[in-house]
């Protein structure tokens, strides 16, 4: 089983928190996926300095005329179950192997995508921010990818933000989700 990572999972330190086995950047294979694009509209309930707010994170959206980059990582069913808890508000969607460019895959790929309308941010929503620390997680990974990957990623996701950025430390309101995203499962 393969997973397509397009947000914090492109960052080894962030991805590692959901795996007991030791990962390396060799496990995070850069790819391009046809028929999808990155969008800023996935809402998670987060807490900034003691105040509950709507955090907006990257999401995928179907668009037959687009493609987007990210990474694929091979994982076990057990690892997938942990990731489902971390990415709990996302639906699991299947990406056909032939739509993945940059890796020769022997099976289709799973991606996490917010599809529940109640969990999609709308322009003008109040108390809704993109955590600046999330942007830091994304950009910290760039030194491990080639220039083409980084430039495409920046163009797709980091040139324009539809919601204000908010500085400061945040945590997910759901305790299990926060543990899996911030602390990890490794012993």
C-alpha atoms as a PDB file:
ATOM      1  CA  UNK A   1       0.000   0.000   0.000  1.00  0.00           C
ATOM      2  CA  UNK A   2       1.224   3.500  -0.863  1.00  0.00           C
ATOM      3  CA  UNK A   3       0.218   6.850   0.593  1.00  0.00           C
ATOM      4  CA  UNK A   4       0.423  10.181  -1.233  1.00  0.00           C
ATOM      5  CA  UNK A   5       1.658  12.938   1.079  1.00  0.00           C
ATOM      6  CA  UNK A   6       1.269  16.543  -0.050  1.00  0.00           C
ATOM      7  CA  UNK A   7       1.371  18.584   3.186  1.00  0.00           C
ATOM      8  CA  UNK A   8       3.234  17.924   6.422  1.00  0.00           C
ATOM      9  CA  UNK A   9       4.024  14.368   5.264  1.00  0.00           C
ATOM     10  CA  UNK A  10       6.621  15.766   2.813  1.00  0.00           C
ATOM     11  CA  UNK A  11       8.627  16.640   5.942  1.00  0.00           C
ATOM     12  CA  UNK A  12      10.526  13.632   7.298  1.00  0.00           C
ATOM     13  CA  UNK A  13      10.354  14.815  10.919  1.00  0.00           C
ATOM     14  CA  UNK A  14       6.594  15.249  10.664  1.00  0.00           C
ATOM     15  CA  UNK A  15       6.016  11.982   8.772  1.00  0.00           C
ATOM     16  CA  UNK A  16       8.233  10.056  11.194  1.00  0.00           C
ATOM     17  CA  UNK A  17       5.827  10.771  14.049  1.00  0.00           C
ATOM     18  CA  UNK A  18       3.313   8.350  12.535  1.00  0.00           C
ATOM     19  CA  UNK A  19       5.786   5.505  12.009  1.00  0.00           C
ATOM     20  CA  UNK A  20       7.517   3.227  14.510  1.00  0.00           C
ATOM     21  CA  UNK A  21      10.089   2.195  11.908  1.00  0.00           C
ATOM     22  CA  UNK A  22      12.893   4.591  11.063  1.00  0.00           C
ATOM     23  CA  UNK A  23      12.136   6.560   7.896  1.00  0.00           C
ATOM     24  CA  UNK A  24      14.577   8.405   5.660  1.00  0.00           C
ATOM     25  CA  UNK A  25      14.016  10.802   2.784  1.00  0.00           C
ATOM     26  CA  UNK A  26      14.617   7.772   0.502  1.00  0.00           C
ATOM     27  CA  UNK A  27      11.246   6.478   1.767  1.00  0.00           C
ATOM     28  CA  UNK A  28       9.537   9.718   0.670  1.00  0.00           C
ATOM     29  CA  UNK A  29       9.557   9.408  -3.127  1.00  0.00           C
ATOM     30  CA  UNK A  30       8.854  12.687  -4.971  1.00  0.00           C
ATOM     31  CA  UNK A  31       6.016  12.288  -7.487  1.00  0.00           C
ATOM     32  CA  UNK A  32       3.488  14.244  -9.495  1.00  0.00           C
ATOM     33  CA  UNK A  33      -0.178  13.201  -9.511  1.00  0.00           C
ATOM     34  CA  UNK A  34      -2.493  13.962 -12.427  1.00  0.00           C
ATOM     35  CA  UNK A  35      -6.080  15.098 -11.857  1.00  0.00           C
ATOM     36  CA  UNK A  36      -5.590  16.793  -8.478  1.00  0.00           C
ATOM     37  CA  UNK A  37      -4.453  20.165  -7.153  1.00  0.00           C
ATOM     38  CA  UNK A  38      -3.561  21.536  -3.719  1.00  0.00           C
ATOM     39  CA  UNK A  39      -6.007  23.950  -2.071  1.00  0.00           C
ATOM     40  CA  UNK A  40      -6.114  25.727   1.293  1.00  0.00           C
ATOM     41  CA  UNK A  41      -9.484  24.701   2.694  1.00  0.00           C
ATOM     42  CA  UNK A  42      -9.259  21.791   5.143  1.00  0.00           C
ATOM     43  CA  UNK A  43     -10.438  22.886   8.597  1.00  0.00           C
ATOM     44  CA  UNK A  44      -9.134  21.364  11.812  1.00  0.00           C
ATOM     45  CA  UNK A  45     -10.110  22.544  15.276  1.00  0.00           C
ATOM     46  CA  UNK A  46      -6.932  23.885  16.839  1.00  0.00           C
ATOM     47  CA  UNK A  47      -5.957  25.845  19.903  1.00  0.00           C
ATOM     48  CA  UNK A  48      -3.695  28.912  19.670  1.00  0.00           C
ATOM     49  CA  UNK A  49      -2.421  30.106  23.030  1.00  0.00           C
ATOM     50  CA  UNK A  50      -5.520  28.861  24.854  1.00  0.00           C
ATOM     51  CA  UNK A  51      -8.030  30.072  22.255  1.00  0.00           C
ATOM     52  CA  UNK A  52      -9.979  27.662  20.025  1.00  0.00           C
ATOM     53  CA  UNK A  53      -9.907  28.526  16.341  1.00  0.00           C
ATOM     54  CA  UNK A  54     -10.306  27.011  12.891  1.00  0.00           C
ATOM     55  CA  UNK A  55      -6.945  26.027  11.473  1.00  0.00           C
ATOM     56  CA  UNK A  56      -6.794  25.776   7.686  1.00  0.00           C
ATOM     57  CA  UNK A  57      -4.485  23.169   6.198  1.00  0.00           C
ATOM     58  CA  UNK A  58      -3.679  21.948   2.714  1.00  0.00           C
ATOM     59  CA  UNK A  59      -6.184  19.731   0.983  1.00  0.00           C
ATOM     60  CA  UNK A  60      -6.557  18.095  -2.403  1.00  0.00           C
ATOM     61  CA  UNK A  61      -9.230  18.935  -4.922  1.00  0.00           C
ATOM     62  CA  UNK A  62     -10.092  17.012  -8.075  1.00  0.00           C
ATOM     63  CA  UNK A  63      -9.245  18.934 -11.244  1.00  0.00           C
ATOM     64  CA  UNK A  64      -8.763  16.967 -14.452  1.00  0.00           C
ATOM     65  CA  UNK A  65      -6.705  19.813 -15.951  1.00  0.00           C
ATOM     66  CA  UNK A  66      -4.232  19.978 -13.075  1.00  0.00           C
ATOM     67  CA  UNK A  67      -1.499  17.964 -11.455  1.00  0.00           C
ATOM     68  CA  UNK A  68       0.235  18.377  -8.123  1.00  0.00           C
ATOM     69  CA  UNK A  69       3.441  17.227  -6.532  1.00  0.00           C
ATOM     70  CA  UNK A  70       4.127  15.492  -3.244  1.00  0.00           C
ATOM     71  CA  UNK A  71       5.598  12.195  -2.109  1.00  0.00           C
ATOM     72  CA  UNK A  72       4.569   8.572  -1.965  1.00  0.00           C
ATOM     73  CA  UNK A  73       5.568   6.323   0.891  1.00  0.00           C
ATOM     74  CA  UNK A  74       5.032   2.584   1.087  1.00  0.00           C
ATOM     75  CA  UNK A  75       3.262   1.558   4.270  1.00  0.00           C
ATOM     76  CA  UNK A  76       1.741  -1.373   6.068  1.00  0.00           C
ATOM     77  CA  UNK A  77      -1.906  -1.709   7.052  1.00  0.00           C
ATOM     78  CA  UNK A  78      -0.925  -1.042  10.676  1.00  0.00           C
ATOM     79  CA  UNK A  79       0.882   2.174   9.703  1.00  0.00           C
ATOM     80  CA  UNK A  80      -2.134   3.208   7.641  1.00  0.00           C
ATOM     81  CA  UNK A  81      -4.404   2.746  10.685  1.00  0.00           C
ATOM     82  CA  UNK A  82      -2.203   5.135  12.704  1.00  0.00           C
ATOM     83  CA  UNK A  83      -2.230   7.689   9.887  1.00  0.00           C
ATOM     84  CA  UNK A  84      -6.025   7.504   9.712  1.00  0.00           C
ATOM     85  CA  UNK A  85      -6.120   8.739  13.316  1.00  0.00           C
ATOM     86  CA  UNK A  86      -3.659  11.543  12.598  1.00  0.00           C
ATOM     87  CA  UNK A  87      -5.599  12.597   9.489  1.00  0.00           C
ATOM     88  CA  UNK A  88      -8.978  11.893  11.084  1.00  0.00           C
ATOM     89  CA  UNK A  89     -11.047  14.540   9.325  1.00  0.00           C
ATOM     90  CA  UNK A  90      -9.880  13.555   5.871  1.00  0.00           C
ATOM     91  CA  UNK A  91     -11.548  10.944   3.668  1.00  0.00           C
ATOM     92  CA  UNK A  92      -9.422   8.302   2.003  1.00  0.00           C
ATOM     93  CA  UNK A  93      -9.383   8.508  -1.778  1.00  0.00           C
ATOM     94  CA  UNK A  94      -7.746   6.222  -4.315  1.00  0.00           C
ATOM     95  CA  UNK A  95      -5.302   7.550  -6.889  1.00  0.00           C
ATOM     96  CA  UNK A  96      -4.747   5.201  -9.829  1.00  0.00           C
ATOM     97  CA  UNK A  97      -1.104   4.113 -10.145  1.00  0.00           C
ATOM     98  CA  UNK A  98      -1.038   5.287 -13.773  1.00  0.00           C
ATOM     99  CA  UNK A  99      -1.843   8.841 -12.591  1.00  0.00           C
ATOM    100  CA  UNK A 100       1.334   8.934 -10.487  1.00  0.00           C
ATOM    101  CA  UNK A 101       4.390  10.191 -12.356  1.00  0.00           C
ATOM    102  CA  UNK A 102       7.931   9.811 -11.039  1.00  0.00           C
ATOM    103  CA  UNK A 103       7.662   6.366  -9.468  1.00  0.00           C
ATOM    104  CA  UNK A 104       6.936   2.928 -10.853  1.00  0.00           C
ATOM    105  CA  UNK A 105       4.193   1.643  -8.559  1.00  0.00           C
ATOM    106  CA  UNK A 106       2.714  -1.845  -8.490  1.00  0.00           C
ATOM    107  CA  UNK A 107      -0.559  -0.743  -6.879  1.00  0.00           C
ATOM    108  CA  UNK A 108      -2.842   2.258  -6.522  1.00  0.00           C
ATOM    109  CA  UNK A 109      -2.158   5.004  -3.991  1.00  0.00           C
ATOM    110  CA  UNK A 110      -4.262   6.261  -1.086  1.00  0.00           C
ATOM    111  CA  UNK A 111      -4.495   9.961  -0.261  1.00  0.00           C
ATOM    112  CA  UNK A 112      -6.239  11.835   2.528  1.00  0.00           C
ATOM    113  CA  UNK A 113      -8.622  14.496   1.227  1.00  0.00           C
ATOM    114  CA  UNK A 114     -11.252  16.540   3.067  1.00  0.00           C
ATOM    115  CA  UNK A 115     -14.568  15.967   1.321  1.00  0.00           C
ATOM    116  CA  UNK A 116     -17.032  16.776   4.134  1.00  0.00           C
ATOM    117  CA  UNK A 117     -18.501  20.198   3.309  1.00  0.00           C
ATOM    118  CA  UNK A 118     -18.647  21.069   7.025  1.00  0.00           C
ATOM    119  CA  UNK A 119     -14.859  20.673   7.194  1.00  0.00           C
ATOM    120  CA  UNK A 120     -14.128  22.905   4.183  1.00  0.00           C
ATOM    121  CA  UNK A 121     -13.191  26.520   4.906  1.00  0.00           C
ATOM    122  CA  UNK A 122     -14.966  29.220   2.932  1.00  0.00           C
ATOM    123  CA  UNK A 123     -13.556  32.642   2.104  1.00  0.00           C
ATOM    124  CA  UNK A 124     -14.882  35.058   4.724  1.00  0.00           C
ATOM    125  CA  UNK A 125     -15.159  32.471   7.515  1.00  0.00           C
ATOM    126  CA  UNK A 126     -14.406  34.122  10.841  1.00  0.00           C
ATOM    127  CA  UNK A 127     -11.827  32.876  13.361  1.00  0.00           C
ATOM    128  CA  UNK A 128     -10.159  30.926  10.539  1.00  0.00           C
ATOM    129  CA  UNK A 129      -6.381  31.013  10.027  1.00  0.00           C
ATOM    130  CA  UNK A 130      -3.507  29.158   8.393  1.00  0.00           C
ATOM    131  CA  UNK A 131      -0.974  28.371  11.132  1.00  0.00           C
ATOM    132  CA  UNK A 132       2.378  29.927  10.174  1.00  0.00           C
ATOM    133  CA  UNK A 133       4.110  27.016  11.964  1.00  0.00           C
ATOM    134  CA  UNK A 134       2.455  24.646   9.437  1.00  0.00           C
ATOM    135  CA  UNK A 135       4.077  26.636   6.618  1.00  0.00           C
ATOM    136  CA  UNK A 136       7.392  26.240   8.477  1.00  0.00           C
ATOM    137  CA  UNK A 137       6.925  22.441   8.532  1.00  0.00           C
ATOM    138  CA  UNK A 138       6.404  22.442   4.764  1.00  0.00           C
ATOM    139  CA  UNK A 139       9.321  24.722   3.895  1.00  0.00           C
ATOM    140  CA  UNK A 140      11.746  23.000   6.296  1.00  0.00           C
ATOM    141  CA  UNK A 141      11.544  19.929   4.041  1.00  0.00           C
ATOM    142  CA  UNK A 142      12.579  21.767   0.875  1.00  0.00           C
ATOM    143  CA  UNK A 143      16.333  21.281   1.332  1.00  0.00           C
ATOM    144  CA  UNK A 144      15.794  17.540   0.760  1.00  0.00           C
ATOM    145  CA  UNK A 145      14.122  17.902  -2.646  1.00  0.00           C
ATOM    146  CA  UNK A 146      15.382  19.108  -6.004  1.00  0.00           C
ATOM    147  CA  UNK A 147      14.863  22.641  -7.265  1.00  0.00           C
ATOM    148  CA  UNK A 148      12.079  21.646  -9.677  1.00  0.00           C
ATOM    149  CA  UNK A 149      10.055  19.981  -6.887  1.00  0.00           C
ATOM    150  CA  UNK A 150      10.492  22.982  -4.569  1.00  0.00           C
ATOM    151  CA  UNK A 151       9.619  25.570  -7.223  1.00  0.00           C
ATOM    152  CA  UNK A 152       6.509  23.655  -8.300  1.00  0.00           C
ATOM    153  CA  UNK A 153       5.436  23.188  -4.680  1.00  0.00           C
ATOM    154  CA  UNK A 154       5.854  26.893  -3.911  1.00  0.00           C
ATOM    155  CA  UNK A 155       3.898  27.858  -7.048  1.00  0.00           C
ATOM    156  CA  UNK A 156       1.067  25.427  -6.225  1.00  0.00           C
ATOM    157  CA  UNK A 157       0.704  26.109  -2.501  1.00  0.00           C
ATOM    158  CA  UNK A 158       2.760  28.973  -1.131  1.00  0.00           C
ATOM    159  CA  UNK A 159       2.317  31.979  -3.420  1.00  0.00           C
ATOM    160  CA  UNK A 160      -1.172  33.008  -2.341  1.00  0.00           C
ATOM    161  CA  UNK A 161      -3.016  32.302   0.884  1.00  0.00           C
ATOM    162  CA  UNK A 162      -6.820  32.609   0.958  1.00  0.00           C
ATOM    163  CA  UNK A 163      -6.813  33.021   4.762  1.00  0.00           C
ATOM    164  CA  UNK A 164      -4.601  35.066   7.077  1.00  0.00           C
ATOM    165  CA  UNK A 165      -1.514  33.443   8.555  1.00  0.00           C
ATOM    166  CA  UNK A 166      -1.419  33.266  12.337  1.00  0.00           C
ATOM    167  CA  UNK A 167       1.857  33.232  14.241  1.00  0.00           C
ATOM    168  CA  UNK A 168       2.311  31.200  17.391  1.00  0.00           C
ATOM    169  CA  UNK A 169       2.228  27.667  18.666  1.00  0.00           C
ATOM    170  CA  UNK A 170      -0.883  25.624  18.014  1.00  0.00           C
ATOM    171  CA  UNK A 171      -2.153  22.230  19.020  1.00  0.00           C
ATOM    172  CA  UNK A 172      -4.977  20.122  17.676  1.00  0.00           C
ATOM    173  CA  UNK A 173      -8.055  20.201  19.906  1.00  0.00           C
ATOM    174  CA  UNK A 174      -8.463  16.415  19.618  1.00  0.00           C
ATOM    175  CA  UNK A 175      -5.921  14.908  22.094  1.00  0.00           C
ATOM    176  CA  UNK A 176      -5.180  11.741  20.052  1.00  0.00           C
ATOM    177  CA  UNK A 177      -4.767  13.683  16.834  1.00  0.00           C
ATOM    178  CA  UNK A 178      -2.453  16.129  18.619  1.00  0.00           C
ATOM    179  CA  UNK A 179      -0.342  13.316  20.051  1.00  0.00           C
ATOM    180  CA  UNK A 180       0.055  11.632  16.650  1.00  0.00           C
ATOM    181  CA  UNK A 181       0.856  14.886  14.839  1.00  0.00           C
ATOM    182  CA  UNK A 182       3.059  16.547  17.462  1.00  0.00           C
ATOM    183  CA  UNK A 183       4.574  13.845  19.680  1.00  0.00           C
ATOM    184  CA  UNK A 184       4.442  10.701  17.593  1.00  0.00           C
ATOM    185  CA  UNK A 185       4.170   7.005  18.355  1.00  0.00           C
ATOM    186  CA  UNK A 186       7.815   5.958  18.559  1.00  0.00           C
ATOM    187  CA  UNK A 187       8.930   4.591  21.863  1.00  0.00           C
END
